[in-house]
Amino acid sequence: IARFTNHSCQPNCFTRTVTANGKNHIMLFAKRIIDRGEEITYDYLFPIEEKKIPCNCGAQGCKEWMN
């Protein structure tokens, strides 16, 4: 399901790594109430790299780059 979750500089979710049954899982948590039909987004938090990946999230205050 996570492959359908997009990056945003102003996301409505955040991630945490949790351990269940001895395995690590990345969980998404809502930062606020999410409206029906609203896209689920989180900040990918890519590491800083020399080659920049442009951000096209369109959020107010967009950082312009995902890394």
PDB file of N, CA and C in Angstrom:
ATOM      1  N   ILE A   1       0.827  -1.195   0.000  1.00  0.00           N
ATOM      2  CA  ILE A   1       0.000   0.000   0.000  1.00  0.00           C
ATOM      3  C   ILE A   1       0.863   1.246   0.000  1.00  0.00           C
ATOM      4  N   ALA A   2       2.045   1.205   0.630  1.00  0.00           N
ATOM      5  CA  ALA A   2       2.901   2.392   0.739  1.00  0.00           C
ATOM      6  C   ALA A   2       3.301   2.933  -0.619  1.00  0.00           C
ATOM      7  N   ARG A   3       3.350   2.089  -1.631  1.00  0.00           N
ATOM      8  CA  ARG A   3       3.736   2.577  -2.961  1.00  0.00           C
ATOM      9  C   ARG A   3       2.732   3.575  -3.518  1.00  0.00           C
ATOM     10  N   PHE A   4       1.547   3.660  -2.915  1.00  0.00           N
ATOM     11  CA  PHE A   4       0.538   4.616  -3.347  1.00  0.00           C
ATOM     12  C   PHE A   4       0.557   5.895  -2.515  1.00  0.00           C
ATOM     13  N   THR A   5       1.516   6.007  -1.618  1.00  0.00           N
ATOM     14  CA  THR A   5       1.634   7.168  -0.747  1.00  0.00           C
ATOM     15  C   THR A   5       2.713   8.091  -1.291  1.00  0.00           C
ATOM     16  N   ASN A   6       2.363   9.330  -1.558  1.00  0.00           N
ATOM     17  CA  ASN A   6       3.273  10.278  -2.194  1.00  0.00           C
ATOM     18  C   ASN A   6       3.985  11.171  -1.193  1.00  0.00           C
ATOM     19  N   HIS A   7       5.089  11.746  -1.665  1.00  0.00           N
ATOM     20  CA  HIS A   7       5.858  12.712  -0.885  1.00  0.00           C
ATOM     21  C   HIS A   7       5.154  14.058  -0.888  1.00  0.00           C
ATOM     22  N   SER A   8       5.296  14.791   0.214  1.00  0.00           N
ATOM     23  CA  SER A   8       4.869  16.183   0.290  1.00  0.00           C
ATOM     24  C   SER A   8       5.750  16.901   1.301  1.00  0.00           C
ATOM     25  N   CYS A   9       6.045  18.172   1.025  1.00  0.00           N
ATOM     26  CA  CYS A   9       6.788  18.998   1.977  1.00  0.00           C
ATOM     27  C   CYS A   9       5.886  19.455   3.123  1.00  0.00           C
ATOM     28  N   GLN A  10       4.556  19.340   2.953  1.00  0.00           N
ATOM     29  CA  GLN A  10       3.568  19.643   3.991  1.00  0.00           C
ATOM     30  C   GLN A  10       2.674  18.407   4.136  1.00  0.00           C
ATOM     31  N   PRO A  11       3.229  17.299   4.631  1.00  0.00           N
ATOM     32  CA  PRO A  11       2.497  16.029   4.642  1.00  0.00           C
ATOM     33  C   PRO A  11       1.383  15.975   5.687  1.00  0.00           C
ATOM     34  N   ASN A  12       0.433  15.054   5.459  1.00  0.00           N
ATOM     35  CA  ASN A  12      -0.624  14.847   6.442  1.00  0.00           C
ATOM     36  C   ASN A  12      -0.349  13.612   7.312  1.00  0.00           C
ATOM     37  N   CYS A  13       0.776  12.929   7.057  1.00  0.00           N
ATOM     38  CA  CYS A  13       1.179  11.759   7.846  1.00  0.00           C
ATOM     39  C   CYS A  13       2.671  11.822   8.163  1.00  0.00           C
ATOM     40  N   PHE A  14       3.079  10.979   9.123  1.00  0.00           N
ATOM     41  CA  PHE A  14       4.503  10.810   9.413  1.00  0.00           C
ATOM     42  C   PHE A  14       4.755   9.318   9.613  1.00  0.00           C
ATOM     43  N   THR A  15       6.004   8.919   9.577  1.00  0.00           N
ATOM     44  CA  THR A  15       6.339   7.501   9.702  1.00  0.00           C
ATOM     45  C   THR A  15       7.111   7.230  10.983  1.00  0.00           C
ATOM     46  N   ARG A  16       6.990   6.006  11.453  1.00  0.00           N
ATOM     47  CA  ARG A  16       7.782   5.490  12.559  1.00  0.00           C
ATOM     48  C   ARG A  16       8.071   4.027  12.264  1.00  0.00           C
ATOM     49  N   THR A  17       9.242   3.577  12.678  1.00  0.00           N
ATOM     50  CA  THR A  17       9.575   2.169  12.562  1.00  0.00           C
ATOM     51  C   THR A  17       9.188   1.489  13.866  1.00  0.00           C
ATOM     52  N   VAL A  18       8.403   0.426  13.760  1.00  0.00           N
ATOM     53  CA  VAL A  18       7.986  -0.328  14.935  1.00  0.00           C
ATOM     54  C   VAL A  18       8.366  -1.791  14.745  1.00  0.00           C
ATOM     55  N   THR A  19       8.555  -2.476  15.841  1.00  0.00           N
ATOM     56  CA  THR A  19       8.869  -3.895  15.794  1.00  0.00           C
ATOM     57  C   THR A  19       7.652  -4.683  16.260  1.00  0.00           C
ATOM     58  N   ALA A  20       7.243  -5.631  15.428  1.00  0.00           N
ATOM     59  CA  ALA A  20       6.135  -6.519  15.777  1.00  0.00           C
ATOM     60  C   ALA A  20       6.518  -7.938  15.399  1.00  0.00           C
ATOM     61  N   ASN A  21       6.376  -8.843  16.316  1.00  0.00           N
ATOM     62  CA  ASN A  21       6.738 -10.244  16.086  1.00  0.00           C
ATOM     63  C   ASN A  21       8.180 -10.396  15.606  1.00  0.00           C
ATOM     64  N   GLY A  22       9.076  -9.552  16.139  1.00  0.00           N
ATOM     65  CA  GLY A  22      10.486  -9.635  15.801  1.00  0.00           C
ATOM     66  C   GLY A  22      10.872  -9.040  14.465  1.00  0.00           C
ATOM     67  N   LYS A  23       9.940  -8.402  13.771  1.00  0.00           N
ATOM     68  CA  LYS A  23      10.232  -7.793  12.463  1.00  0.00           C
ATOM     69  C   LYS A  23       9.976  -6.295  12.523  1.00  0.00           C
ATOM     70  N   ASN A  24      10.815  -5.529  11.821  1.00  0.00           N
ATOM     71  CA  ASN A  24      10.620  -4.079  11.728  1.00  0.00           C
ATOM     72  C   ASN A  24       9.610  -3.761  10.628  1.00  0.00           C
ATOM     73  N   HIS A  25       8.745  -2.817  10.924  1.00  0.00           N
ATOM     74  CA  HIS A  25       7.736  -2.364   9.965  1.00  0.00           C
ATOM     75  C   HIS A  25       7.699  -0.842  10.001  1.00  0.00           C
ATOM     76  N   ILE A  26       7.510  -0.239   8.848  1.00  0.00           N
ATOM     77  CA  ILE A  26       7.330   1.211   8.786  1.00  0.00           C
ATOM     78  C   ILE A  26       5.837   1.481   8.837  1.00  0.00           C
ATOM     79  N   MET A  27       5.422   2.263   9.823  1.00  0.00           N
ATOM     80  CA  MET A  27       4.012   2.578  10.019  1.00  0.00           C
ATOM     81  C   MET A  27       3.756   4.037   9.667  1.00  0.00           C
ATOM     82  N   LEU A  28       2.614   4.299   9.074  1.00  0.00           N
ATOM     83  CA  LEU A  28       2.171   5.658   8.782  1.00  0.00           C
ATOM     84  C   LEU A  28       1.170   6.083   9.851  1.00  0.00           C
ATOM     85  N   PHE A  29       1.333   7.308  10.360  1.00  0.00           N
ATOM     86  CA  PHE A  29       0.424   7.867  11.351  1.00  0.00           C
ATOM     87  C   PHE A  29      -0.079   9.212  10.851  1.00  0.00           C
ATOM     88  N   ALA A  30      -1.350   9.466  11.000  1.00  0.00           N
ATOM     89  CA  ALA A  30      -1.933  10.741  10.577  1.00  0.00           C
ATOM     90  C   ALA A  30      -1.488  11.859  11.518  1.00  0.00           C
ATOM     91  N   LYS A  31      -1.110  12.997  10.936  1.00  0.00           N
ATOM     92  CA  LYS A  31      -0.749  14.181  11.712  1.00  0.00           C
ATOM     93  C   LYS A  31      -1.993  14.985  12.087  1.00  0.00           C
ATOM     94  N   ARG A  32      -3.080  14.711  11.380  1.00  0.00           N
ATOM     95  CA  ARG A  32      -4.339  15.443  11.570  1.00  0.00           C
ATOM     96  C   ARG A  32      -5.451  14.591  10.979  1.00  0.00           C
ATOM     97  N   ILE A  33      -6.677  15.036  11.114  1.00  0.00           N
ATOM     98  CA  ILE A  33      -7.790  14.323  10.497  1.00  0.00           C
ATOM     99  C   ILE A  33      -7.662  14.458   8.977  1.00  0.00           C
ATOM    100  N   ILE A  34      -7.772  13.338   8.291  1.00  0.00           N
ATOM    101  CA  ILE A  34      -7.621  13.316   6.830  1.00  0.00           C
ATOM    102  C   ILE A  34      -9.011  13.153   6.219  1.00  0.00           C
ATOM    103  N   ASP A  35      -9.350  14.061   5.324  1.00  0.00           N
ATOM    104  CA  ASP A  35     -10.663  14.044   4.692  1.00  0.00           C
ATOM    105  C   ASP A  35     -10.804  12.861   3.741  1.00  0.00           C
ATOM    106  N   ARG A  36     -12.029  12.371   3.602  1.00  0.00           N
ATOM    107  CA  ARG A  36     -12.325  11.313   2.648  1.00  0.00           C
ATOM    108  C   ARG A  36     -11.892  11.751   1.249  1.00  0.00           C
ATOM    109  N   GLY A  37     -11.155  10.911   0.547  1.00  0.00           N
ATOM    110  CA  GLY A  37     -10.700  11.215  -0.799  1.00  0.00           C
ATOM    111  C   GLY A  37      -9.400  12.008  -0.855  1.00  0.00           C
ATOM    112  N   GLU A  38      -8.914  12.478   0.298  1.00  0.00           N
ATOM    113  CA  GLU A  38      -7.667  13.246   0.335  1.00  0.00           C
ATOM    114  C   GLU A  38      -6.471  12.310   0.149  1.00  0.00           C
ATOM    115  N   GLU A  39      -5.505  12.751  -0.596  1.00  0.00           N
ATOM    116  CA  GLU A  39      -4.301  11.970  -0.818  1.00  0.00           C
ATOM    117  C   GLU A  39      -3.512  11.813   0.483  1.00  0.00           C
ATOM    118  N   ILE A  40      -2.975  10.611   0.712  1.00  0.00           N
ATOM    119  CA  ILE A  40      -2.131  10.343   1.874  1.00  0.00           C
ATOM    120  C   ILE A  40      -0.696  10.689   1.493  1.00  0.00           C
ATOM    121  N   THR A  41      -0.037  11.540   2.288  1.00  0.00           N
ATOM    122  CA  THR A  41       1.328  11.981   1.965  1.00  0.00           C
ATOM    123  C   THR A  41       2.211  11.948   3.201  1.00  0.00           C
ATOM    124  N   TYR A  42       3.505  11.796   2.964  1.00  0.00           N
ATOM    125  CA  TYR A  42       4.497  11.940   4.024  1.00  0.00           C
ATOM    126  C   TYR A  42       5.788  12.445   3.403  1.00  0.00           C
ATOM    127  N   ASP A  43       6.674  12.980   4.226  1.00  0.00           N
ATOM    128  CA  ASP A  43       7.967  13.478   3.759  1.00  0.00           C
ATOM    129  C   ASP A  43       8.911  12.289   3.668  1.00  0.00           C
ATOM    130  N   TYR A  44       9.389  11.988   2.464  1.00  0.00           N
ATOM    131  CA  TYR A  44      10.256  10.830   2.259  1.00  0.00           C
ATOM    132  C   TYR A  44      11.574  10.935   3.028  1.00  0.00           C
ATOM    133  N   LEU A  45      11.986  12.155   3.379  1.00  0.00           N
ATOM    134  CA  LEU A  45      13.224  12.372   4.134  1.00  0.00           C
ATOM    135  C   LEU A  45      14.432  11.690   3.491  1.00  0.00           C
ATOM    136  N   PHE A  46      14.537  11.822   2.182  1.00  0.00           N
ATOM    137  CA  PHE A  46      15.691  11.272   1.474  1.00  0.00           C
ATOM    138  C   PHE A  46      16.967  11.908   1.997  1.00  0.00           C
ATOM    139  N   PRO A  47      18.073  11.164   2.038  1.00  0.00           N
ATOM    140  CA  PRO A  47      19.343  11.748   2.485  1.00  0.00           C
ATOM    141  C   PRO A  47      19.833  12.790   1.477  1.00  0.00           C
ATOM    142  N   ILE A  48      20.632  13.723   1.963  1.00  0.00           N
ATOM    143  CA  ILE A  48      21.200  14.752   1.083  1.00  0.00           C
ATOM    144  C   ILE A  48      22.219  14.085   0.172  1.00  0.00           C
ATOM    145  N   GLU A  49      22.057  14.285  -1.112  1.00  0.00           N
ATOM    146  CA  GLU A  49      22.947  13.719  -2.116  1.00  0.00           C
ATOM    147  C   GLU A  49      23.352  14.810  -3.091  1.00  0.00           C
ATOM    148  N   GLU A  50      24.430  14.562  -3.822  1.00  0.00           N
ATOM    149  CA  GLU A  50      24.899  15.551  -4.794  1.00  0.00           C
ATOM    150  C   GLU A  50      23.873  15.764  -5.904  1.00  0.00           C
ATOM    151  N   LYS A  51      23.312  14.666  -6.434  1.00  0.00           N
ATOM    152  CA  LYS A  51      22.299  14.780  -7.485  1.00  0.00           C
ATOM    153  C   LYS A  51      20.951  15.040  -6.823  1.00  0.00           C
ATOM    154  N   LYS A  52      20.366  16.194  -7.112  1.00  0.00           N
ATOM    155  CA  LYS A  52      19.115  16.602  -6.489  1.00  0.00           C
ATOM    156  C   LYS A  52      17.916  15.990  -7.203  1.00  0.00           C
ATOM    157  N   ILE A  53      16.908  15.614  -6.416  1.00  0.00           N
ATOM    158  CA  ILE A  53      15.650  15.082  -6.944  1.00  0.00           C
ATOM    159  C   ILE A  53      14.604  16.172  -6.791  1.00  0.00           C
ATOM    160  N   PRO A  54      14.074  16.692  -7.909  1.00  0.00           N
ATOM    161  CA  PRO A  54      13.098  17.773  -7.810  1.00  0.00           C
ATOM    162  C   PRO A  54      11.810  17.326  -7.124  1.00  0.00           C
ATOM    163  N   CYS A  55      11.230  18.219  -6.371  1.00  0.00           N
ATOM    164  CA  CYS A  55       9.955  17.965  -5.701  1.00  0.00           C
ATOM    165  C   CYS A  55       8.850  18.657  -6.487  1.00  0.00           C
ATOM    166  N   ASN A  56       7.796  17.956  -6.732  1.00  0.00           N
ATOM    167  CA  ASN A  56       6.652  18.506  -7.453  1.00  0.00           C
ATOM    168  C   ASN A  56       5.381  18.429  -6.608  1.00  0.00           C
ATOM    169  N   CYS A  57       5.529  18.511  -5.290  1.00  0.00           N
ATOM    170  CA  CYS A  57       4.369  18.316  -4.414  1.00  0.00           C
ATOM    171  C   CYS A  57       3.363  19.456  -4.519  1.00  0.00           C
ATOM    172  N   GLY A  58       3.822  20.652  -4.832  1.00  0.00           N
ATOM    173  CA  GLY A  58       2.915  21.787  -4.976  1.00  0.00           C
ATOM    174  C   GLY A  58       2.448  22.371  -3.655  1.00  0.00           C
ATOM    175  N   ALA A  59       2.974  21.901  -2.547  1.00  0.00           N
ATOM    176  CA  ALA A  59       2.568  22.415  -1.236  1.00  0.00           C
ATOM    177  C   ALA A  59       3.093  23.834  -1.025  1.00  0.00           C
ATOM    178  N   GLN A  60       2.331  24.607  -0.267  1.00  0.00           N
ATOM    179  CA  GLN A  60       2.809  25.934   0.101  1.00  0.00           C
ATOM    180  C   GLN A  60       4.065  25.739   0.942  1.00  0.00           C
ATOM    181  N   GLY A  61       5.143  26.421   0.625  1.00  0.00           N
ATOM    182  CA  GLY A  61       6.406  26.259   1.345  1.00  0.00           C
ATOM    183  C   GLY A  61       7.203  25.058   0.876  1.00  0.00           C
ATOM    184  N   CYS A  62       6.929  24.569  -0.333  1.00  0.00           N
ATOM    185  CA  CYS A  62       7.666  23.424  -0.886  1.00  0.00           C
ATOM    186  C   CYS A  62       9.165  23.711  -0.861  1.00  0.00           C
ATOM    187  N   LYS A  63       9.959  22.686  -0.484  1.00  0.00           N
ATOM    188  CA  LYS A  63      11.414  22.834  -0.379  1.00  0.00           C
ATOM    189  C   LYS A  63      12.119  22.730  -1.746  1.00  0.00           C
ATOM    190  N   GLU A  64      11.375  22.427  -2.795  1.00  0.00           N
ATOM    191  CA  GLU A  64      11.851  22.326  -4.177  1.00  0.00           C
ATOM    192  C   GLU A  64      12.648  21.057  -4.467  1.00  0.00           C
ATOM    193  N   TRP A  65      13.190  20.404  -3.450  1.00  0.00           N
ATOM    194  CA  TRP A  65      13.979  19.186  -3.631  1.00  0.00           C
ATOM    195  C   TRP A  65      13.547  18.167  -2.588  1.00  0.00           C
ATOM    196  N   MET A  66      13.558  16.885  -2.966  1.00  0.00           N
ATOM    197  CA  MET A  66      13.198  15.840  -2.014  1.00  0.00           C
ATOM    198  C   MET A  66      14.411  15.359  -1.224  1.00  0.00           C
ATOM    199  N   ASN A  67      15.618  15.839  -1.582  1.00  0.00           N
ATOM    200  CA  ASN A  67      16.823  15.455  -0.842  1.00  0.00           C
ATOM    201  C   ASN A  67      17.701  16.655  -0.601  1.00  0.00           C
TER     202      ASN A  67
END
